Protein backbone atom coordinates (compact mmCIF):
# COMPACT_ATOMS: atom_id res chain seq x y z
CA UNK A 1 84.58 85.74 87.13
CA UNK A 2 83.74 86.77 83.55
CA UNK A 3 86.15 89.38 82.05
CA UNK A 4 88.71 88.92 84.84
CA UNK A 5 91.91 87.74 83.20
CA UNK A 6 95.16 86.35 84.61
CA UNK A 7 94.12 86.43 88.29
CA UNK A 8 91.88 84.37 90.59
CA UNK A 9 90.22 85.90 93.67
CA UNK A 10 90.93 84.41 97.07
CA UNK A 11 88.11 83.13 99.25
CA UNK A 12 87.93 86.27 101.46
CA UNK A 13 88.06 88.55 98.40
CA UNK A 14 85.10 86.71 96.88
CA UNK A 15 83.12 86.98 100.14
CA UNK A 16 83.86 90.70 100.52
CA UNK A 17 82.99 91.30 96.86
CA UNK A 18 79.61 89.59 97.37
CA UNK A 19 78.86 91.89 100.32
CA UNK A 20 79.98 95.00 98.41
CA UNK A 21 77.88 94.07 95.37
CA UNK A 22 74.73 94.28 97.51
CA UNK A 23 75.60 97.01 100.03
CA UNK A 24 77.57 100.24 100.44
CA UNK A 25 80.57 98.91 102.30
CA UNK A 26 83.67 99.91 104.26
CA UNK A 27 86.40 97.33 103.54
CA UNK A 28 89.19 97.12 106.14
CA UNK A 29 92.02 94.88 104.91
CA UNK A 30 95.77 94.82 105.71
CA UNK A 31 98.12 96.43 103.19
CA UNK A 32 99.01 94.17 100.27
CA UNK A 33 96.30 91.51 100.58
CA UNK A 34 94.12 92.56 97.68
CA UNK A 35 91.74 95.48 98.20
CA UNK A 36 92.24 96.60 94.58
CA UNK A 37 91.14 93.22 93.19
CA UNK A 38 87.85 93.55 95.11
CA UNK A 39 87.41 97.00 93.53
CA UNK A 40 88.13 95.51 90.08
CA UNK A 41 85.57 92.72 90.58
CA UNK A 42 82.99 95.29 91.64
CA UNK A 43 83.78 97.41 88.58
CA UNK A 44 83.13 94.43 86.29
CA UNK A 45 79.90 93.58 88.10
CA UNK A 46 78.54 97.16 88.05
CA UNK A 47 79.45 97.91 84.41
CA UNK A 48 77.95 94.59 83.33
CA UNK A 49 74.75 95.53 85.16
CA UNK A 50 74.78 99.20 84.03
CA UNK A 51 76.74 99.20 80.73
CA UNK A 52 76.05 102.87 79.86
CA UNK A 53 77.25 104.23 83.21
CA UNK A 54 80.67 105.01 84.76
CA UNK A 55 82.98 104.00 87.61
CA UNK A 56 84.96 106.59 89.59
CA UNK A 57 87.96 105.35 91.60
CA UNK A 58 89.48 108.00 93.88
CA UNK A 59 92.90 107.86 95.57
CA UNK A 60 94.64 110.57 97.64
CA UNK A 61 97.65 111.01 95.35
CA UNK A 62 98.35 110.90 91.63
CA UNK A 63 100.92 108.02 91.88
CA UNK A 64 98.38 105.93 93.81
CA UNK A 65 95.58 106.69 91.32
CA UNK A 66 97.98 105.79 88.48
CA UNK A 67 98.95 102.56 90.24
CA UNK A 68 95.30 101.47 90.51
CA UNK A 69 94.74 102.33 86.82
CA UNK A 70 97.72 100.17 85.77
CA UNK A 71 96.38 97.29 87.90
CA UNK A 72 93.01 97.51 86.13
CA UNK A 73 94.68 97.59 82.71
CA UNK A 74 96.71 94.50 83.61
CA UNK A 75 93.71 92.35 84.58
CA UNK A 76 90.91 93.69 82.37
CA UNK A 77 90.47 92.92 78.65
CA UNK A 78 91.56 95.91 76.56
CA UNK A 79 88.11 96.40 75.06
CA UNK A 80 86.19 96.14 78.34
CA UNK A 81 85.96 99.90 78.77
CA UNK A 82 87.66 103.26 78.23
CA UNK A 83 89.97 103.86 81.21
CA UNK A 84 91.22 107.40 81.95
CA UNK A 85 93.35 109.17 84.55
CA UNK A 86 92.42 112.66 85.78
CA UNK A 87 95.27 114.81 87.10
CA UNK A 88 95.83 118.49 87.76
CA UNK A 89 98.08 118.54 84.66
CA UNK A 90 95.00 118.00 82.45
CA UNK A 91 93.07 121.25 81.96
CA UNK A 92 89.50 121.27 83.37
CA UNK A 93 87.91 121.73 79.95
CA UNK A 94 89.84 118.73 78.67
CA UNK A 95 88.70 116.67 81.68
CA UNK A 96 85.12 117.64 80.81
CA UNK A 97 85.56 116.16 77.31
CA UNK A 98 87.27 113.02 78.61
CA UNK A 99 84.43 112.49 81.12
CA UNK A 100 81.89 112.15 78.29
CA UNK A 101 83.60 109.09 76.76
CA UNK A 102 85.37 107.45 79.75
CA UNK A 103 83.91 104.33 81.37
CA UNK A 104 86.33 104.13 84.32
CA UNK A 105 87.90 107.29 85.74
CA UNK A 106 90.83 107.25 88.18
CA UNK A 107 91.47 110.55 89.94
CA UNK A 108 92.55 112.37 93.06
CA UNK A 109 89.57 113.74 95.01
CA UNK A 110 90.76 117.32 94.48
CA UNK A 111 90.35 117.08 90.68
CA UNK A 112 86.81 115.68 90.78
CA UNK A 113 85.70 117.98 93.62
CA UNK A 114 86.91 121.08 91.74
CA UNK A 115 85.19 119.93 88.54
CA UNK A 116 81.91 119.28 90.36
CA UNK A 117 82.04 122.73 91.97
CA UNK A 118 82.53 124.26 88.50
CA UNK A 119 79.67 122.05 87.18
CA UNK A 120 81.82 120.65 84.38
CA UNK A 121 79.95 117.35 84.78
CA UNK A 122 77.85 115.57 87.39
CA UNK A 123 77.78 112.11 88.98
CA UNK A 124 74.31 111.06 87.82
CA UNK A 125 75.71 108.32 85.54
CA UNK A 126 78.20 106.92 88.09
CA UNK A 127 77.11 103.46 89.25
CA UNK A 128 80.13 102.86 91.53
CA UNK A 129 82.21 105.31 93.56
CA UNK A 130 85.34 103.87 95.23
CA UNK A 131 87.27 105.92 97.79
CA UNK A 132 90.68 104.44 98.60
CA UNK A 133 92.43 105.19 101.93
CA UNK A 134 88.94 105.83 103.31
CA UNK A 135 90.25 106.69 106.79
CA UNK A 136 90.65 110.17 105.26
CA UNK A 137 86.89 110.44 104.92
CA UNK A 138 86.51 112.87 107.84
CA UNK A 139 86.18 116.62 108.35
CA UNK A 140 86.48 118.73 105.17
CA UNK A 141 88.46 116.30 103.04
CA UNK A 142 87.20 116.29 99.41
CA UNK A 143 86.10 112.65 99.73
CA UNK A 144 83.18 113.84 101.85
CA UNK A 145 82.04 116.53 99.42
CA UNK A 146 82.15 114.04 96.51
CA UNK A 147 80.28 111.38 98.51
CA UNK A 148 77.55 113.92 99.39
CA UNK A 149 77.18 115.00 95.75
CA UNK A 150 77.13 111.35 94.70
CA UNK A 151 74.26 110.58 97.06
CA UNK A 152 72.32 113.56 95.65
CA UNK A 153 72.97 112.88 91.97
CA UNK A 154 73.59 109.22 91.12
CA UNK A 155 70.73 107.06 89.86
CA UNK A 156 72.30 103.65 90.56
CA UNK A 157 74.41 104.13 93.64
CA UNK A 158 77.08 101.94 95.13
CA UNK A 159 79.72 103.47 97.41
CA UNK A 160 82.76 101.55 98.72
CA UNK A 161 85.56 102.73 101.01
CA UNK A 162 88.89 100.88 101.21
CA UNK A 163 91.42 101.19 104.03
CA UNK A 164 94.03 99.23 105.99
CA UNK A 165 92.78 100.88 109.19
CA UNK A 166 90.06 103.46 109.91
CA UNK A 167 91.65 104.36 113.27
CA UNK A 168 90.65 103.45 116.80
CA UNK A 169 88.13 106.18 117.67
CA UNK A 170 84.59 104.73 117.50
CA UNK A 171 83.09 108.19 116.87
CA UNK A 172 85.49 108.79 113.97
CA UNK A 173 84.77 105.35 112.47
CA UNK A 174 81.04 106.06 112.74
CA UNK A 175 81.63 109.40 110.98
CA UNK A 176 83.49 107.61 108.15
CA UNK A 177 80.62 105.12 107.86
CA UNK A 178 78.07 107.93 107.80
CA UNK A 179 80.04 109.94 105.22
CA UNK A 180 80.21 106.85 102.99
CA UNK A 181 76.57 105.82 103.65
CA UNK A 182 78.01 102.51 104.84
CA UNK A 183 75.58 99.64 105.30
CA UNK A 184 78.13 96.88 105.99
CA UNK A 185 81.70 96.74 107.32
CA UNK A 186 84.02 93.96 106.13
CA UNK A 187 87.01 93.67 108.47
CA UNK A 188 89.92 91.28 108.11
CA UNK A 189 93.28 91.24 109.91
CA UNK A 190 96.43 89.15 109.38
CA UNK A 191 94.98 86.73 111.95
CA UNK A 192 91.57 86.26 110.32
CA UNK A 193 91.07 82.57 109.49
CA UNK A 194 90.33 83.18 105.79
CA UNK A 195 93.31 85.56 105.36
CA UNK A 196 96.20 84.09 107.37
CA UNK A 197 96.50 80.96 105.24
CA UNK A 198 97.53 83.20 102.31
CA UNK A 199 100.15 85.13 104.28
CA UNK A 200 103.64 84.21 105.40
CA UNK A 201 105.01 84.06 108.93
CA UNK A 202 105.73 87.46 110.47
CA UNK A 203 108.51 87.48 113.05
CA UNK A 204 108.14 90.35 115.52
CA UNK A 205 111.05 91.77 117.49
CA UNK A 206 111.09 94.66 119.97
CA UNK A 207 114.63 96.04 120.31
CA UNK A 208 115.29 98.10 123.45
CA UNK A 209 118.24 100.51 123.53
CA UNK A 210 119.66 102.42 126.49
CA UNK A 211 119.40 106.20 126.63
CA UNK A 212 122.99 107.45 127.20
CA UNK A 213 123.72 109.45 130.41
CA UNK A 214 124.96 112.45 128.36
CA UNK A 215 121.65 112.48 126.48
CA UNK A 216 119.75 112.11 129.77
CA UNK A 217 121.54 115.20 131.12
CA UNK A 218 120.49 117.28 128.08
CA UNK A 219 116.95 115.95 128.35
CA UNK A 220 116.77 116.94 132.04
CA UNK A 221 117.88 120.52 131.26
CA UNK A 222 115.44 120.91 128.36
CA UNK A 223 112.61 119.49 130.47
CA UNK A 224 113.25 122.09 133.19
CA UNK A 225 113.07 124.87 130.59
CA UNK A 226 109.96 123.33 129.04
CA UNK A 227 108.21 123.07 132.42
CA UNK A 228 108.85 126.76 133.11
CA UNK A 229 107.01 127.73 129.93
CA UNK A 230 104.20 125.31 130.72
CA UNK A 231 103.90 126.79 134.22
CA UNK A 232 103.66 130.25 132.67
CA UNK A 233 100.82 129.08 130.40
CA UNK A 234 98.97 127.64 133.39
CA UNK A 235 99.51 130.81 135.44
CA UNK A 236 98.09 132.85 132.54
CA UNK A 237 95.11 130.47 132.61
CA UNK A 238 95.35 129.51 128.94
CA UNK A 239 96.52 125.88 129.36
CA UNK A 240 94.44 123.51 131.47
CA UNK A 241 95.02 119.98 130.17
CA UNK A 242 98.25 117.98 129.75
CA UNK A 243 101.13 119.79 128.02
CA UNK A 244 101.30 117.32 125.11
CA UNK A 245 102.51 118.39 121.68
CA UNK A 246 98.97 118.07 120.29
CA UNK A 247 97.45 120.19 123.07
CA UNK A 248 100.12 122.87 122.74
CA UNK A 249 99.64 123.12 118.96
CA UNK A 250 95.86 123.34 119.48
CA UNK A 251 96.36 126.05 122.12
CA UNK A 252 98.68 127.98 119.78
CA UNK A 253 96.01 127.94 117.05
CA UNK A 254 93.37 129.16 119.50
CA UNK A 255 95.56 132.02 120.77
CA UNK A 256 96.52 133.08 117.22
CA UNK A 257 92.86 132.93 116.20
CA UNK A 258 91.90 135.20 119.13
CA UNK A 259 94.68 137.65 118.32
CA UNK A 260 93.78 137.74 114.61
CA UNK A 261 90.20 138.67 115.53
CA UNK A 262 91.50 141.81 117.19
CA UNK A 263 91.62 140.54 120.77
CA UNK A 264 94.96 142.17 121.66
CA UNK A 265 94.77 140.94 125.24
CA UNK A 266 98.27 141.35 126.75
CA UNK A 267 97.92 137.99 128.51
CA UNK A 268 97.23 136.28 125.16
CA UNK A 269 100.18 137.97 123.48
CA UNK A 270 102.62 136.78 126.16
CA UNK A 271 100.88 133.38 126.19
CA UNK A 272 101.44 133.07 122.43
CA UNK A 273 105.20 133.51 122.92
CA UNK A 274 105.38 131.04 125.83
CA UNK A 275 103.37 128.49 123.84
CA UNK A 276 105.64 128.85 120.78
CA UNK A 277 108.78 128.23 122.88
CA UNK A 278 107.16 125.26 124.66
CA UNK A 279 106.38 123.67 121.26
CA UNK A 280 110.00 124.22 120.13
CA UNK A 281 111.33 122.57 123.29
CA UNK A 282 108.85 119.70 122.98
CA UNK A 283 110.08 119.11 119.41
CA UNK A 284 113.74 119.29 120.53
CA UNK A 285 113.02 116.69 123.24
CA UNK A 286 111.37 114.39 120.69
CA UNK A 287 114.41 114.61 118.40
CA UNK A 288 116.82 113.98 121.29
CA UNK A 289 114.89 111.00 122.68
CA UNK A 290 113.81 109.25 119.50
CA UNK A 291 115.81 110.41 116.46
CA UNK A 292 119.48 111.13 115.70
CA UNK A 293 121.79 113.45 117.61
CA UNK A 294 122.63 115.14 114.30
CA UNK A 295 118.99 116.06 113.64
CA UNK A 296 118.69 117.34 117.25
CA UNK A 297 121.86 119.42 116.89
CA UNK A 298 120.74 120.86 113.54
CA UNK A 299 117.40 121.89 115.04
CA UNK A 300 119.16 123.70 117.94
CA UNK A 301 121.43 125.40 115.38
CA UNK A 302 118.35 126.55 113.47
CA UNK A 303 116.92 128.15 116.63
CA UNK A 304 120.19 130.08 117.11
CA UNK A 305 120.00 131.13 113.47
CA UNK A 306 116.37 132.29 113.91
CA UNK A 307 117.44 134.29 116.98
CA UNK A 308 120.30 135.98 115.09
CA UNK A 309 117.77 137.08 112.45
CA UNK A 310 115.48 138.37 115.23
CA UNK A 311 112.60 136.20 113.99
CA UNK A 312 110.89 136.45 117.38
CA UNK A 313 111.63 137.89 120.80
CA UNK A 314 110.70 134.58 122.39
CA UNK A 315 113.34 132.58 120.52
CA UNK A 316 115.98 135.29 121.23
CA UNK A 317 115.26 134.92 124.95
CA UNK A 318 115.24 131.11 124.74
CA UNK A 319 118.68 130.74 123.10
CA UNK A 320 120.16 133.36 125.47
CA UNK A 321 119.52 131.08 128.46
CA UNK A 322 122.78 129.54 129.80
CA UNK A 323 121.12 126.11 130.13
CA UNK A 324 120.15 126.15 126.45
CA UNK A 325 123.69 127.09 125.45
CA UNK A 326 125.07 124.23 127.57
CA UNK A 327 122.84 121.75 125.71
CA UNK A 328 124.04 123.11 122.36
CA UNK A 329 127.70 122.83 123.37
CA UNK A 330 127.17 119.33 124.78
CA UNK A 331 125.58 118.08 121.53
CA UNK A 332 128.42 119.65 119.50
CA UNK A 333 131.06 117.93 121.61
CA UNK A 334 129.34 114.55 121.34
CA UNK A 335 129.16 114.82 117.55
CA UNK A 336 132.85 115.76 117.37
CA UNK A 337 133.54 112.51 119.28
CA UNK A 338 131.36 110.65 116.70
CA UNK A 339 128.78 109.89 119.37
CA UNK A 340 125.30 109.28 117.97
CA UNK A 341 121.97 108.08 119.26
CA UNK A 342 122.44 104.35 120.12
CA UNK A 343 119.47 103.49 117.91
CA UNK A 344 121.50 104.32 114.81
CA UNK A 345 124.28 101.86 115.67
CA UNK A 346 121.71 99.18 116.56
CA UNK A 347 119.87 99.73 113.28
CA UNK A 348 123.09 99.40 111.28
CA UNK A 349 123.87 96.11 113.08
CA UNK A 350 120.37 94.78 112.32
CA UNK A 351 120.69 95.64 108.61
CA UNK A 352 124.18 94.08 108.54
CA UNK A 353 122.74 90.88 110.04
CA UNK A 354 119.96 90.74 107.41
CA UNK A 355 122.52 91.41 104.67
CA UNK A 356 124.69 88.49 105.82
CA UNK A 357 121.71 86.10 105.72
CA UNK A 358 120.36 87.05 102.30
CA UNK A 359 122.30 88.69 99.46
CA UNK A 360 119.00 89.73 97.81
CA UNK A 361 117.69 91.41 100.97
CA UNK A 362 115.17 94.25 100.80
CA UNK A 363 114.42 96.38 103.86
CA UNK A 364 112.25 99.39 104.58
CA UNK A 365 113.27 101.59 107.51
CA UNK A 366 110.47 103.94 108.59
CA UNK A 367 111.22 107.17 110.41
CA UNK A 368 109.23 110.29 111.25
CA UNK A 369 111.57 112.98 109.96
CA UNK A 370 113.35 113.65 106.67
CA UNK A 371 116.58 114.67 108.35
CA UNK A 372 116.70 111.40 110.31
CA UNK A 373 116.07 109.52 107.04
CA UNK A 374 119.03 111.30 105.47
CA UNK A 375 121.36 110.55 108.43
CA UNK A 376 120.29 106.88 108.55
CA UNK A 377 120.73 106.41 104.80
CA UNK A 378 124.17 108.02 104.87
CA UNK A 379 125.23 105.85 107.83
CA UNK A 380 124.10 102.63 106.11
CA UNK A 381 125.90 103.49 102.87
CA UNK A 382 129.15 104.55 104.55
CA UNK A 383 129.44 101.79 107.14
CA UNK A 384 127.87 98.82 105.34
CA UNK A 385 128.24 99.73 101.66
CA UNK A 386 124.52 99.07 101.28
CA UNK A 387 122.55 100.65 98.47
CA UNK A 388 120.24 102.73 100.65
CA UNK A 389 118.11 105.64 99.45
CA UNK A 390 115.82 108.02 101.24
CA UNK A 391 112.18 107.92 100.15
CA UNK A 392 110.32 111.07 101.16
CA UNK A 393 107.44 113.25 99.98
CA UNK A 394 107.58 116.10 97.51
CA UNK A 395 109.79 119.14 98.02
CA UNK A 396 108.91 121.58 100.78
CA UNK A 397 109.87 125.26 101.06
CA UNK A 398 113.26 124.14 102.38
CA UNK A 399 113.86 122.50 99.00
CA UNK A 400 114.17 118.96 100.38
CA UNK A 401 112.06 116.21 98.90
CA UNK A 402 111.44 114.05 95.85
CA UNK A 403 109.19 114.71 92.89
CA UNK A 404 106.61 112.04 91.99
CA UNK A 405 108.80 111.09 89.01
CA UNK A 406 111.81 110.58 91.33
CA UNK A 407 109.68 108.55 93.77
CA UNK A 408 108.57 106.30 90.91
CA UNK A 409 112.15 105.76 89.75
CA UNK A 410 113.30 104.82 93.28
CA UNK A 411 110.49 102.25 93.63
CA UNK A 412 111.48 100.73 90.25
CA UNK A 413 115.14 100.51 91.33
CA UNK A 414 114.12 98.99 94.66
CA UNK A 415 112.02 96.39 92.79
CA UNK A 416 114.97 95.47 90.56
CA UNK A 417 117.40 95.20 93.51
CA UNK A 418 119.45 98.26 92.51
CA UNK A 419 118.49 99.63 95.93
CA UNK A 420 118.51 97.35 99.02
CA UNK A 421 117.17 99.68 101.70
CA UNK A 422 114.49 102.35 101.53
CA UNK A 423 114.69 104.80 104.42
CA UNK A 424 111.22 106.24 104.28
CA UNK A 425 108.96 108.75 105.96
CA UNK A 426 105.15 108.46 106.00
CA UNK A 427 105.01 108.67 102.16
CA UNK A 428 105.74 104.90 102.04
CA UNK A 429 103.03 104.01 104.56
CA UNK A 430 100.00 104.64 102.40
CA UNK A 431 98.98 102.75 99.29
CA UNK A 432 102.02 102.87 97.00
CA UNK A 433 102.94 99.60 95.28
CA UNK A 434 106.26 99.00 97.01
CA UNK A 435 107.61 95.48 96.50
CA UNK A 436 107.66 92.78 99.16
CA UNK A 437 110.47 93.24 101.70
CA UNK A 438 112.33 90.88 104.05
CA UNK A 439 112.03 93.25 106.98
CA UNK A 440 110.28 96.43 108.09
CA UNK A 441 112.11 98.41 110.76
CA UNK A 442 110.44 101.18 112.77
CA UNK A 443 113.20 103.60 113.78
CA UNK A 444 110.65 104.84 116.32
CA UNK A 445 107.18 103.61 117.36
CA UNK A 446 104.25 105.72 116.17
CA UNK A 447 101.23 106.29 118.43
CA UNK A 448 98.81 106.05 115.48
CA UNK A 449 97.18 102.64 114.93
CA UNK A 450 96.54 103.54 111.26
CA UNK A 451 100.21 104.27 110.58
CA UNK A 452 101.51 101.27 112.54
CA UNK A 453 99.22 98.90 110.60
CA UNK A 454 100.17 100.43 107.25
CA UNK A 455 103.89 100.25 108.01
CA UNK A 456 103.85 96.62 109.16
CA UNK A 457 101.77 95.58 106.12
CA UNK A 458 104.82 96.03 103.90
CA UNK A 459 106.24 92.59 104.80
CA UNK A 460 105.28 88.90 105.27
CA UNK A 461 102.84 88.73 102.38
CA UNK A 462 104.49 86.43 99.82
CA UNK A 463 107.55 85.44 101.85
CA UNK A 464 108.53 85.29 105.52
CA UNK A 465 109.10 88.70 106.99
CA UNK A 466 110.26 90.54 110.08
CA UNK A 467 108.84 93.53 111.91
CA UNK A 468 111.45 95.18 114.13
CA UNK A 469 110.69 98.17 116.37
CA UNK A 470 113.49 100.17 117.96
CA UNK A 471 112.59 101.62 121.37
CA UNK A 472 114.72 103.90 123.54
CA UNK A 473 114.19 103.02 127.20
CA UNK A 474 112.65 105.64 129.47
CA UNK A 475 111.53 107.92 126.62
CA UNK A 476 108.34 108.66 124.70
CA UNK A 477 109.27 105.69 122.46
CA UNK A 478 107.99 103.35 125.17
CA UNK A 479 104.77 105.35 125.62
CA UNK A 480 104.07 105.50 121.86
CA UNK A 481 104.67 101.76 121.48
CA UNK A 482 102.06 100.82 124.09
CA UNK A 483 99.62 103.53 122.90
CA UNK A 484 99.74 102.14 119.35
CA UNK A 485 99.16 98.53 120.49
CA UNK A 486 96.26 99.64 122.67
CA UNK A 487 94.69 101.68 119.87
CA UNK A 488 94.87 98.77 117.44
CA UNK A 489 92.96 96.54 119.88
CA UNK A 490 90.49 99.38 120.47
CA UNK A 491 89.98 99.71 116.70
CA UNK A 492 88.92 96.07 116.35
CA UNK A 493 86.47 96.42 119.25
CA UNK A 494 85.05 99.66 117.81
CA UNK A 495 84.54 98.12 114.35
CA UNK A 496 82.86 95.04 115.83
CA UNK A 497 80.52 97.32 117.78
CA UNK A 498 79.71 99.41 114.68
CA UNK A 499 79.07 96.27 112.61
CA UNK A 500 76.55 95.21 115.24
CA UNK A 501 74.94 98.68 115.21
CA UNK A 502 74.66 98.59 111.40
CA UNK A 503 73.14 95.12 111.56
CA UNK A 504 70.54 96.27 114.10
CA UNK A 505 69.84 99.59 112.36
CA UNK A 506 71.17 101.61 115.30
CA UNK A 507 73.69 103.71 113.36
CA UNK A 508 71.80 106.82 112.33
CA UNK A 509 72.54 110.40 111.39
CA UNK A 510 71.71 111.87 114.79
CA UNK A 511 74.25 109.59 116.41
CA UNK A 512 77.25 111.02 114.53
CA UNK A 513 78.27 114.68 114.49
CA UNK A 514 78.63 116.38 111.11
CA UNK A 515 82.18 117.40 111.98
CA UNK A 516 84.55 115.54 114.25
CA UNK A 517 86.84 117.90 116.14
């Protein structure tokens, strides 16, 4: 392709590019197999066709937008066009000036959405709008506002969404397609004939660990307490469906919303307290079953601390219960005896095995919670003398976290082999240019198909890789594992169905709600 330097598109990239050049398209491709090159080829094609217009490439975070910009600079001739990065650090008035002369703008959606609302510029001269991580294109996310404005304003429109997975809900995928004015969907998986020949073998291993009897005893006690609160919510006729974490959080929002509107119904007020304690116990159970005993113990300690500060009557009553105190004492005693969740020991053994096979090993361990990441990293460094680092999002109110500058430095050190193991939360799932690894380890299964696909896409691209999932028997780990597998299959069926609907002109505005709840 003219102007493309130092890189040759693969067969599937060429085919997807040809579709995208003629139609608004949703591109679903596994992590690390070249979505950005397709975007680059489209940029060249559109600016060649409309040389006085602009390209806007949106990504959810500044590091990701910056990464795409650097990719374009690497493979485009220097004089092809003026490339600029919009960030919150650049003042709006300055962005307005830059907009006038830029040919290709990389930005977070928040920047562009705010500028459009202030009418600093418009999108009339944008001939290509790319929205990366397009599974976010639902509800009130800024991608949707920008896409709507683009459809109203642009003279020569082409809109492309890129994602590793749009999820498994057909209604949600249809909403994404509608929000992006999608005319075609291009889906590829690791097993697609035109993709798999470029990828390396992926070895999959499911590692089952036993749930210790002492842990089972604590779980049984917490479940009894949890069920009492759930029964109270049902008796008060505020909870009707399953008492899942999602349903309880939704119920809590509904109760708080009613109370904030002045509905001081006594039943609601007591229901709010019962719901809050049920959520706390549900979270404690999740930590006990799937994470580290240390993170579980620290969370119980925090509840005692909240009670001592009289943060809520409900938590004071909860920690005063003899059963709750027994669980706290039991977890303390186990930690004194250096007893941890068996997953941690198994993980350390797996990393040790990989280390013995390859002195240049690189591994990513994914876990849900920052505290678990910290415990895992510490355990690996102390017991194996690995060079492990935690890789988490930006600092929260608690003060834990990494700045974007620190994240960038860690990725550089991981690339150079100064770090062997990244112990990462969801920040490493989406987009970031993390180097190829020998193995990806899930410390726990995740029920989300999107997240499972993004995590596993970090290995077996340029060299053989392993995907290892740790599962605690008889816990929610097992449920989440099978839910995720089922949702991934459901996603492929849903996309195939939507492709057929698009082909036959059946996907229309009436079919998809404006907002997906």
